[in-house]
């Protein structure tokens, strides 16, 4: 009986959706968006219709991660946490520093009472959606822009139930069935139709929605069917059949199915908001440059060329790999065919011990991205996420709002100008000599700018590494990221020398250290060409993730 009821319900939902086409739709948003896309000097850019000037999205991700019956959740729109006055005040604060955009998740509160899905029936929770409309109203009144993104299909309201009806032995449930099967795609169409129609019924202000983001980040489980299978065939929502015995066929299946999913959802959004922009979050694929070990997420470079995405929202963080490697994985055309924003960029507290380090990393990372024609940047995030979440970053409000000011358009008007950011890393990709090295952990990895690689001596102390800066110079800062297991007391002796002569001790670090710690020397030392770091005591084989010299 349950199966029969579910099938009947599915049929009804699909018929309702298919009957709601452009001709008989009761209402669409007629509001013109101030920000649109135009071609400037041969490149697509965000342009403010009111002034004719290029618009650069600069802002932050605004979330409110709290304890819930289901663990830590972003419950920004939940009635218990949505405070109009606090939100307005924070938007005004951001605007006073020159910021113009926040990115907000529509549905990270996706299960439990008061979340986006109807707890006891089909569809959306109207009280929750009133809060979404209230944010849109505040944005219009404050002349501030929103990127509203879906993180996932809600567990409630019938959407997840419909999405998983396509799951089988050939296509695993949840994400894989959601993007690959007909019920999965239909659930997304129905969900987005409900969002857009409900907001129109609530007379929401669409004008200051800079973009609707179909997904925070799109990816498949590559360790589950169909990607984990090596035989048979599978037919997906787009009507095409793919061989599972071919890895290239499985990649083509993922690419074409993602394009189909995007096209169907974007069509729904555009039906209700014809002047609105559509995007989707994308993190860097894992090929050709491997940067996520033991990875179960399949992310696709082909998404960047999807014609239904008006601009690209790439998520890349300093400390995960180098800018060049991450961007190569996206396989973007040069120049890119559409605007690009960095919709998530942050400095992980586990990688950067102080707000000074976070500021330096973010400013240089953002400036380096300009070589790839990025058109906007949104930090992660306005508030600090709880450390228990596992990947917390420095927030704009930490340390007396340090990053709020230092990364702001008011203080930092041209994010592409590196001349005032301080000296470059003099050790980056310079020649090194080491006491010993493992085949897979070369000495050069200590100066490659990539915190995911390291020099490993392969032995206990004493061990040393020498860096040739290439020319005689004056240095003011040395920053070293520890690679060590187990933690314990260590002694590192830092010495320098000029063009010739012998090494002279500059300083020592004698303390308890652990994996990921950052040791820094600040001062002034002239006549330096060579830097030597000798470790004479450690419970671990001697290694360094990164050594930077300024």
Foldseek 3Di string as FASTA:
>chain_A
DVVVVLVVVLVVLLVVLVVCDLVPPPAFDPDAAQWDWDADPRAIFIAGVVPRDGDFAEAAEDFDWDQDPVGTFGPQLFPVHPDLVVVLVVVVLLVVLPHAEYEYEQFSVQDDPRGFADHPEAAGDLSSLVSVLSVLVSCVVVVGAYAYEYAAQGPHRCLQVQQQPQDDQQFHHDQRSLLWAQSNLSSLLSRLLRSLVSSVVVVGNPRRHQEYASHQERWDQCCGHPNVDQADWDATNVRDIFGSNDNVRVLVSVLVSNLVSLVSNLSSVCSRVVNHAYEYEYEFACPPPHQDPPDRIGGDLSVQPRPSHQEYAYADEFQSFDPVVRVVRSVADVQHRHAYAPAEYFAFCLQAVDVVSRLLRVLVRQLVCVVNVHRYYYYHRQDWDDVVVPGTGDHCPPPNSVNSNCVGCNNCVDSNDCPPSDDDFLQAQFDKDKPAFDPQQDPSQQRPSHLSGKTFRPDFDFMKMKGFSPAFFKWFKKKWFFDWPPWAWWKKWKWFAAPDDDTDTDDMDTDIDHHNDMDMDGDIDGRGGMMMITIGDDPGGGMTNYMTID
